[in-house]
Full PDB file with SEQRES, HELIX, SHEET, SSBOND, CRYST1, ORIGX, SCALE, CONECT and MASTER records, all heavy atoms in Angstrom:
SEQRES   1 A   31  MET PRO GLU ILE THR TYR ILE PRO THR GLY GLN LYS ILE          
SEQRES   2 A   31  LEU PHE ARG GLY LEU ASP ASP PRO LEU LYS ILE THR SER          
SEQRES   3 A   31  ILE SER VAL ASP VAL                                          
HELIX    1 AA1 PRO A   21  THR A   25  1                                   5    
SHEET    1 AA1 2 GLU A   3  TYR A   6  0                                        
SHEET    2 AA1 2 GLN A  11  LEU A  14 -1                                        
CRYST1    1.000    1.000    1.000  90.00  90.00  90.00 P 1           1          
ORIGX1      1.000000  0.000000  0.000000        0.00000                         
ORIGX2      0.000000  1.000000  0.000000        0.00000                         
ORIGX3      0.000000  0.000000  1.000000        0.00000                         
SCALE1      1.000000  0.000000  0.000000        0.00000                         
SCALE2      0.000000  1.000000  0.000000        0.00000                         
SCALE3      0.000000  0.000000  1.000000        0.00000                         
ATOM      1  N   MET A   1      27.837 137.010 135.376  1.00  0.00           N  
ATOM      2  CA  MET A   1      28.771 137.512 136.393  1.00  0.00           C  
ATOM      3  C   MET A   1      28.908 139.031 136.407  1.00  0.00           C  
ATOM      4  O   MET A   1      28.857 139.625 137.508  1.00  0.00           O  
ATOM      5  CB  MET A   1      30.115 136.810 136.250  1.00  0.00           C  
ATOM      6  CG  MET A   1      30.024 135.336 136.619  1.00  0.00           C  
ATOM      7  SD  MET A   1      31.553 134.488 136.737  1.00  0.00           S  
ATOM      8  CE  MET A   1      32.252 135.211 138.235  1.00  0.00           C  
ATOM      9  N   PRO A   2      29.108 139.803 135.320  1.00  0.00           N  
ATOM     10  CA  PRO A   2      29.605 139.326 134.021  1.00  0.00           C  
ATOM     11  C   PRO A   2      31.126 139.108 134.038  1.00  0.00           C  
ATOM     12  O   PRO A   2      31.832 139.637 134.906  1.00  0.00           O  
ATOM     13  CB  PRO A   2      29.219 140.470 133.086  1.00  0.00           C  
ATOM     14  CG  PRO A   2      29.275 141.694 133.942  1.00  0.00           C  
ATOM     15  CD  PRO A   2      28.867 141.254 135.325  1.00  0.00           C  
ATOM     16  N   GLU A   3      31.598 138.374 133.023  1.00  0.00           N  
ATOM     17  CA  GLU A   3      33.021 138.077 132.877  1.00  0.00           C  
ATOM     18  C   GLU A   3      33.278 137.611 131.451  1.00  0.00           C  
ATOM     19  O   GLU A   3      32.429 136.974 130.847  1.00  0.00           O  
ATOM     20  CB  GLU A   3      33.440 136.991 133.874  1.00  0.00           C  
ATOM     21  CG  GLU A   3      34.911 136.634 133.879  1.00  0.00           C  
ATOM     22  CD  GLU A   3      35.219 135.570 134.921  1.00  0.00           C  
ATOM     23  OE1 GLU A   3      35.246 135.927 136.126  1.00  0.00           O  
ATOM     24  OE2 GLU A   3      35.429 134.376 134.552  1.00  0.00           O  
ATOM     25  N   ILE A   4      34.428 137.965 130.916  1.00  0.00           N  
ATOM     26  CA  ILE A   4      34.803 137.548 129.570  1.00  0.00           C  
ATOM     27  C   ILE A   4      36.154 136.836 129.651  1.00  0.00           C  
ATOM     28  O   ILE A   4      37.089 137.342 130.277  1.00  0.00           O  
ATOM     29  CB  ILE A   4      34.888 138.740 128.598  1.00  0.00           C  
ATOM     30  CG1 ILE A   4      33.534 139.473 128.524  1.00  0.00           C  
ATOM     31  CG2 ILE A   4      35.325 138.287 127.209  1.00  0.00           C  
ATOM     32  CD1 ILE A   4      33.579 140.768 127.728  1.00  0.00           C  
ATOM     33  N   THR A   5      36.266 135.661 129.014  1.00  0.00           N  
ATOM     34  CA  THR A   5      37.505 134.883 129.021  1.00  0.00           C  
ATOM     35  C   THR A   5      38.012 134.713 127.590  1.00  0.00           C  
ATOM     36  O   THR A   5      37.240 134.363 126.697  1.00  0.00           O  
ATOM     37  CB  THR A   5      37.283 133.490 129.630  1.00  0.00           C  
ATOM     38  OG1 THR A   5      36.725 133.621 130.946  1.00  0.00           O  
ATOM     39  CG2 THR A   5      38.588 132.713 129.720  1.00  0.00           C  
ATOM     40  N   TYR A   6      39.291 134.977 127.400  1.00  0.00           N  
ATOM     41  CA  TYR A   6      39.929 134.708 126.111  1.00  0.00           C  
ATOM     42  C   TYR A   6      40.316 133.236 126.105  1.00  0.00           C  
ATOM     43  O   TYR A   6      41.221 132.802 126.827  1.00  0.00           O  
ATOM     44  CB  TYR A   6      41.152 135.606 125.914  1.00  0.00           C  
ATOM     45  CG  TYR A   6      41.832 135.440 124.571  1.00  0.00           C  
ATOM     46  CD1 TYR A   6      41.103 135.363 123.402  1.00  0.00           C  
ATOM     47  CD2 TYR A   6      43.220 135.369 124.478  1.00  0.00           C  
ATOM     48  CE1 TYR A   6      41.726 135.213 122.161  1.00  0.00           C  
ATOM     49  CE2 TYR A   6      43.854 135.230 123.253  1.00  0.00           C  
ATOM     50  CZ  TYR A   6      43.089 135.149 122.099  1.00  0.00           C  
ATOM     51  OH  TYR A   6      43.712 134.991 120.870  1.00  0.00           O  
ATOM     52  N   ILE A   7      39.641 132.443 125.312  1.00  0.00           N  
ATOM     53  CA  ILE A   7      39.730 130.985 125.380  1.00  0.00           C  
ATOM     54  C   ILE A   7      41.141 130.441 125.142  1.00  0.00           C  
ATOM     55  O   ILE A   7      41.593 129.550 125.877  1.00  0.00           O  
ATOM     56  CB  ILE A   7      38.707 130.344 124.411  1.00  0.00           C  
ATOM     57  CG1 ILE A   7      37.279 130.730 124.836  1.00  0.00           C  
ATOM     58  CG2 ILE A   7      38.860 128.827 124.362  1.00  0.00           C  
ATOM     59  CD1 ILE A   7      36.205 130.341 123.830  1.00  0.00           C  
ATOM     60  N   PRO A   8      41.897 130.916 124.137  1.00  0.00           N  
ATOM     61  CA  PRO A   8      43.219 130.327 123.880  1.00  0.00           C  
ATOM     62  C   PRO A   8      44.185 130.394 125.060  1.00  0.00           C  
ATOM     63  O   PRO A   8      45.044 129.516 125.210  1.00  0.00           O  
ATOM     64  CB  PRO A   8      43.744 131.143 122.697  1.00  0.00           C  
ATOM     65  CG  PRO A   8      42.512 131.617 121.989  1.00  0.00           C  
ATOM     66  CD  PRO A   8      41.526 131.890 123.088  1.00  0.00           C  
ATOM     67  N   THR A   9      44.090 131.414 125.909  1.00  0.00           N  
ATOM     68  CA  THR A   9      45.060 131.586 127.001  1.00  0.00           C  
ATOM     69  C   THR A   9      44.451 131.571 128.399  1.00  0.00           C  
ATOM     70  O   THR A   9      45.164 131.378 129.386  1.00  0.00           O  
ATOM     71  CB  THR A   9      45.813 132.913 126.843  1.00  0.00           C  
ATOM     72  OG1 THR A   9      44.863 133.995 126.915  1.00  0.00           O  
ATOM     73  CG2 THR A   9      46.559 132.956 125.507  1.00  0.00           C  
ATOM     74  N   GLY A  10      43.154 131.799 128.506  1.00  0.00           N  
ATOM     75  CA  GLY A  10      42.520 131.906 129.819  1.00  0.00           C  
ATOM     76  C   GLY A  10      42.565 133.287 130.430  1.00  0.00           C  
ATOM     77  O   GLY A  10      42.169 133.476 131.597  1.00  0.00           O  
ATOM     78  N   GLN A  11      43.045 134.298 129.698  1.00  0.00           N  
ATOM     79  CA  GLN A  11      43.040 135.667 130.200  1.00  0.00           C  
ATOM     80  C   GLN A  11      41.611 136.123 130.464  1.00  0.00           C  
ATOM     81  O   GLN A  11      40.669 135.681 129.802  1.00  0.00           O  
ATOM     82  CB  GLN A  11      43.691 136.622 129.183  1.00  0.00           C  
ATOM     83  CG  GLN A  11      45.163 136.413 128.940  1.00  0.00           C  
ATOM     84  CD  GLN A  11      45.584 137.066 127.631  1.00  0.00           C  
ATOM     85  OE1 GLN A  11      45.657 136.422 126.587  1.00  0.00           O  
ATOM     86  NE2 GLN A  11      45.841 138.374 127.671  1.00  0.00           N  
ATOM     87  N   LYS A  12      41.476 137.066 131.424  1.00  0.00           N  
ATOM     88  CA  LYS A  12      40.156 137.480 131.856  1.00  0.00           C  
ATOM     89  C   LYS A  12      39.926 138.971 131.643  1.00  0.00           C  
ATOM     90  O   LYS A  12      40.844 139.793 131.761  1.00  0.00           O  
ATOM     91  CB  LYS A  12      39.974 137.194 133.354  1.00  0.00           C  
ATOM     92  CG  LYS A  12      40.041 135.717 133.738  1.00  0.00           C  
ATOM     93  CD  LYS A  12      38.781 134.962 133.390  1.00  0.00           C  
ATOM     94  CE  LYS A  12      38.813 133.562 133.996  1.00  0.00           C  
ATOM     95  NZ  LYS A  12      37.589 132.798 133.654  1.00  0.00           N  
ATOM     96  N   ILE A  13      38.678 139.307 131.366  1.00  0.00           N  
ATOM     97  CA  ILE A  13      38.172 140.668 131.484  1.00  0.00           C  
ATOM     98  C   ILE A  13      37.139 140.626 132.612  1.00  0.00           C  
ATOM     99  O   ILE A  13      36.112 139.961 132.496  1.00  0.00           O  
ATOM    100  CB  ILE A  13      37.548 141.182 130.182  1.00  0.00           C  
ATOM    101  CG1 ILE A  13      38.579 141.169 129.051  1.00  0.00           C  
ATOM    102  CG2 ILE A  13      37.005 142.597 130.379  1.00  0.00           C  
ATOM    103  CD1 ILE A  13      38.016 141.593 127.691  1.00  0.00           C  
ATOM    104  N   LEU A  14      37.439 141.319 133.709  1.00  0.00           N  
ATOM    105  CA  LEU A  14      36.595 141.304 134.891  1.00  0.00           C  
ATOM    106  C   LEU A  14      35.870 142.633 135.050  1.00  0.00           C  
ATOM    107  O   LEU A  14      36.382 143.683 134.633  1.00  0.00           O  
ATOM    108  CB  LEU A  14      37.449 141.037 136.132  1.00  0.00           C  
ATOM    109  CG  LEU A  14      38.331 139.772 136.079  1.00  0.00           C  
ATOM    110  CD1 LEU A  14      39.311 139.763 137.236  1.00  0.00           C  
ATOM    111  CD2 LEU A  14      37.474 138.518 136.065  1.00  0.00           C  
ATOM    112  N   PHE A  15      34.699 142.612 135.669  1.00  0.00           N  
ATOM    113  CA  PHE A  15      33.867 143.800 135.820  1.00  0.00           C  
ATOM    114  C   PHE A  15      33.541 144.013 137.298  1.00  0.00           C  
ATOM    115  O   PHE A  15      33.091 143.110 137.988  1.00  0.00           O  
ATOM    116  CB  PHE A  15      32.572 143.659 135.020  1.00  0.00           C  
ATOM    117  CG  PHE A  15      32.789 143.471 133.541  1.00  0.00           C  
ATOM    118  CD1 PHE A  15      33.086 142.216 133.016  1.00  0.00           C  
ATOM    119  CD2 PHE A  15      32.714 144.548 132.673  1.00  0.00           C  
ATOM    120  CE1 PHE A  15      33.298 142.042 131.655  1.00  0.00           C  
ATOM    121  CE2 PHE A  15      32.920 144.388 131.314  1.00  0.00           C  
ATOM    122  CZ  PHE A  15      33.215 143.132 130.810  1.00  0.00           C  
ATOM    123  N   ARG A  16      33.756 145.238 137.771  1.00  0.00           N  
ATOM    124  CA  ARG A  16      33.490 145.567 139.157  1.00  0.00           C  
ATOM    125  C   ARG A  16      32.913 146.979 139.264  1.00  0.00           C  
ATOM    126  O   ARG A  16      32.941 147.752 138.306  1.00  0.00           O  
ATOM    127  CB  ARG A  16      34.777 145.488 140.005  1.00  0.00           C  
ATOM    128  CG  ARG A  16      35.415 144.105 140.068  1.00  0.00           C  
ATOM    129  CD  ARG A  16      34.598 143.114 140.875  1.00  0.00           C  
ATOM    130  NE  ARG A  16      35.334 141.866 141.082  1.00  0.00           N  
ATOM    131  CZ  ARG A  16      35.299 140.834 140.234  1.00  0.00           C  
ATOM    132  NH1 ARG A  16      34.589 140.912 139.104  1.00  0.00           N  
ATOM    133  NH2 ARG A  16      35.971 139.728 140.517  1.00  0.00           N  
ATOM    134  N   GLY A  17      32.464 147.309 140.480  1.00  0.00           N  
ATOM    135  CA  GLY A  17      31.978 148.653 140.760  1.00  0.00           C  
ATOM    136  C   GLY A  17      32.651 149.204 142.002  1.00  0.00           C  
ATOM    137  O   GLY A  17      33.014 148.453 142.913  1.00  0.00           O  
ATOM    138  N   LEU A  18      32.813 150.509 142.055  1.00  0.00           N  
ATOM    139  CA  LEU A  18      33.412 151.126 143.230  1.00  0.00           C  
ATOM    140  C   LEU A  18      32.474 151.121 144.424  1.00  0.00           C  
ATOM    141  O   LEU A  18      32.876 151.517 145.521  1.00  0.00           O  
ATOM    142  CB  LEU A  18      33.844 152.561 142.918  1.00  0.00           C  
ATOM    143  CG  LEU A  18      35.168 152.704 142.167  1.00  0.00           C  
ATOM    144  CD1 LEU A  18      35.452 154.166 141.876  1.00  0.00           C  
ATOM    145  CD2 LEU A  18      36.318 152.114 142.957  1.00  0.00           C  
ATOM    146  N   ASP A  19      31.237 150.666 144.230  1.00  0.00           N  
ATOM    147  CA  ASP A  19      30.327 150.531 145.355  1.00  0.00           C  
ATOM    148  C   ASP A  19      30.657 149.324 146.216  1.00  0.00           C  
ATOM    149  O   ASP A  19      30.088 149.162 147.297  1.00  0.00           O  
ATOM    150  CB  ASP A  19      28.881 150.444 144.864  1.00  0.00           C  
ATOM    151  CG  ASP A  19      28.684 149.409 143.753  1.00  0.00           C  
ATOM    152  OD1 ASP A  19      29.642 149.119 143.023  1.00  0.00           O  
ATOM    153  OD2 ASP A  19      27.551 148.940 143.589  1.00  0.00           O  
ATOM    154  N   ASP A  20      31.586 148.476 145.741  1.00  0.00           N  
ATOM    155  CA  ASP A  20      32.040 147.338 146.528  1.00  0.00           C  
ATOM    156  C   ASP A  20      33.566 147.277 146.473  1.00  0.00           C  
ATOM    157  O   ASP A  20      34.142 146.448 145.774  1.00  0.00           O  
ATOM    158  CB  ASP A  20      31.431 146.036 146.005  1.00  0.00           C  
ATOM    159  CG  ASP A  20      31.559 144.888 147.011  1.00  0.00           C  
ATOM    160  OD1 ASP A  20      32.325 145.037 147.994  1.00  0.00           O  
ATOM    161  OD2 ASP A  20      30.897 143.856 146.828  1.00  0.00           O  
ATOM    162  N   PRO A  21      34.255 148.155 147.238  1.00  0.00           N  
ATOM    163  CA  PRO A  21      35.709 148.261 147.120  1.00  0.00           C  
ATOM    164  C   PRO A  21      36.451 146.977 147.487  1.00  0.00           C  
ATOM    165  O   PRO A  21      37.542 146.730 146.974  1.00  0.00           O  
ATOM    166  CB  PRO A  21      36.065 149.407 148.084  1.00  0.00           C  
ATOM    167  CG  PRO A  21      34.891 149.519 149.010  1.00  0.00           C  
ATOM    168  CD  PRO A  21      33.699 149.120 148.205  1.00  0.00           C  
ATOM    169  N   LEU A  22      35.892 146.150 148.373  1.00  0.00           N  
ATOM    170  CA  LEU A  22      36.565 144.913 148.759  1.00  0.00           C  
ATOM    171  C   LEU A  22      36.737 143.961 147.582  1.00  0.00           C  
ATOM    172  O   LEU A  22      37.733 143.232 147.491  1.00  0.00           O  
ATOM    173  CB  LEU A  22      35.796 144.216 149.885  1.00  0.00           C  
ATOM    174  CG  LEU A  22      35.845 144.898 151.256  1.00  0.00           C  
ATOM    175  CD1 LEU A  22      34.989 144.141 152.260  1.00  0.00           C  
ATOM    176  CD2 LEU A  22      37.281 144.999 151.760  1.00  0.00           C  
ATOM    177  N   LYS A  23      35.755 143.974 146.662  1.00  0.00           N  
ATOM    178  CA  LYS A  23      35.839 143.114 145.488  1.00  0.00           C  
ATOM    179  C   LYS A  23      36.899 143.588 144.500  1.00  0.00           C  
ATOM    180  O   LYS A  23      37.297 142.841 143.614  1.00  0.00           O  
ATOM    181  CB  LYS A  23      34.476 143.028 144.799  1.00  0.00           C  
ATOM    182  CG  LYS A  23      33.458 142.189 145.571  1.00  0.00           C  
ATOM    183  CD  LYS A  23      32.197 141.990 144.776  1.00  0.00           C  
ATOM    184  CE  LYS A  23      31.217 141.094 145.513  1.00  0.00           C  
ATOM    185  NZ  LYS A  23      29.949 140.880 144.740  1.00  0.00           N  
ATOM    186  N   ILE A  24      37.337 144.818 144.627  1.00  0.00           N  
ATOM    187  CA  ILE A  24      38.394 145.344 143.779  1.00  0.00           C  
ATOM    188  C   ILE A  24      39.768 145.031 144.366  1.00  0.00           C  
ATOM    189  O   ILE A  24      40.663 144.556 143.687  1.00  0.00           O  
ATOM    190  CB  ILE A  24      38.222 146.860 143.568  1.00  0.00           C  
ATOM    191  CG1 ILE A  24      36.981 147.126 142.705  1.00  0.00           C  
ATOM    192  CG2 ILE A  24      39.463 147.462 142.899  1.00  0.00           C  
ATOM    193  CD1 ILE A  24      36.679 148.581 142.506  1.00  0.00           C  
ATOM    194  N   THR A  25      39.925 145.293 145.644  1.00  0.00           N  
ATOM    195  CA  THR A  25      41.227 145.107 146.283  1.00  0.00           C  
ATOM    196  C   THR A  25      41.610 143.639 146.415  1.00  0.00           C  
ATOM    197  O   THR A  25      42.785 143.322 146.600  1.00  0.00           O  
ATOM    198  CB  THR A  25      41.241 145.761 147.675  1.00  0.00           C  
ATOM    199  OG1 THR A  25      40.164 145.239 148.461  1.00  0.00           O  
ATOM    200  CG2 THR A  25      41.072 147.272 147.548  1.00  0.00           C  
ATOM    201  N   SER A  26      40.638 142.727 146.321  1.00  0.00           N  
ATOM    202  CA  SER A  26      40.921 141.307 146.510  1.00  0.00           C  
ATOM    203  C   SER A  26      40.992 140.522 145.198  1.00  0.00           C  
ATOM    204  O   SER A  26      41.003 139.297 145.210  1.00  0.00           O  
ATOM    205  CB  SER A  26      39.858 140.673 147.416  1.00  0.00           C  
ATOM    206  OG  SER A  26      38.557 140.786 146.826  1.00  0.00           O  
ATOM    207  N   ILE A  27      41.061 141.195 144.064  1.00  0.00           N  
ATOM    208  CA  ILE A  27      41.069 140.514 142.766  1.00  0.00           C  
ATOM    209  C   ILE A  27      42.363 139.739 142.545  1.00  0.00           C  
ATOM    210  O   ILE A  27      43.448 140.240 142.815  1.00  0.00           O  
ATOM    211  CB  ILE A  27      40.871 141.533 141.628  1.00  0.00           C  
ATOM    212  CG1 ILE A  27      39.424 142.010 141.597  1.00  0.00           C  
ATOM    213  CG2 ILE A  27      41.218 140.907 140.265  1.00  0.00           C  
ATOM    214  CD1 ILE A  27      39.159 143.074 140.564  1.00  0.00           C  
ATOM    215  N   SER A  28      42.226 138.509 142.059  1.00  0.00           N  
ATOM    216  CA  SER A  28      43.372 137.713 141.634  1.00  0.00           C  
ATOM    217  C   SER A  28      43.034 137.033 140.312  1.00  0.00           C  
ATOM    218  O   SER A  28      41.864 136.779 140.020  1.00  0.00           O  
ATOM    219  CB  SER A  28      43.747 136.669 142.691  1.00  0.00           C  
ATOM    220  OG  SER A  28      42.667 135.764 142.908  1.00  0.00           O  
ATOM    221  N   VAL A  29      44.062 136.744 139.500  1.00  0.00           N  
ATOM    222  CA  VAL A  29      43.864 136.113 138.195  1.00  0.00           C  
ATOM    223  C   VAL A  29      44.721 134.867 138.098  1.00  0.00           C  
ATOM    224  O   VAL A  29      45.745 134.732 138.772  1.00  0.00           O  
ATOM    225  CB  VAL A  29      44.194 137.095 137.045  1.00  0.00           C  
ATOM    226  CG1 VAL A  29      43.185 138.228 137.004  1.00  0.00           C  
ATOM    227  CG2 VAL A  29      45.607 137.658 137.186  1.00  0.00           C  
ATOM    228  N   ASP A  30      44.300 133.932 137.233  1.00  0.00           N  
ATOM    229  CA  ASP A  30      44.996 132.651 137.077  1.00  0.00           C  
ATOM    230  C   ASP A  30      46.142 132.716 136.078  1.00  0.00           C  
ATOM    231  O   ASP A  30      47.120 131.975 136.191  1.00  0.00           O  
ATOM    232  CB  ASP A  30      44.004 131.569 136.625  1.00  0.00           C  
ATOM    233  CG  ASP A  30      42.893 131.327 137.629  1.00  0.00           C  
ATOM    234  OD1 ASP A  30      43.158 131.451 138.843  1.00  0.00           O  
ATOM    235  OD2 ASP A  30      41.756 131.024 137.207  1.00  0.00           O  
ATOM    236  N   VAL A  31      46.035 133.603 135.090  1.00  0.00           N  
ATOM    237  CA  VAL A  31      47.018 133.701 134.013  1.00  0.00           C  
ATOM    238  C   VAL A  31      47.569 135.118 133.961  1.00  0.00           C  
ATOM    239  O   VAL A  31      46.805 136.085 133.946  1.00  0.00           O  
ATOM    240  CB  VAL A  31      46.394 133.335 132.653  1.00  0.00           C  
ATOM    241  CG1 VAL A  31      47.404 133.533 131.528  1.00  0.00           C  
ATOM    242  CG2 VAL A  31      45.867 131.908 132.661  1.00  0.00           C  
TER     243      VAL A  31                                                      
MASTER        0    0    0    1    2    0    0    6  242    1    0    3          
END                                                                             
């Protein structure tokens, strides 16, 4: 993706680039 998940809680580490600003402004998380 890449993406990293902390298994005990489901927290996320997400990776983006400023070359795609829509993917930054539309980010949502589950936890």
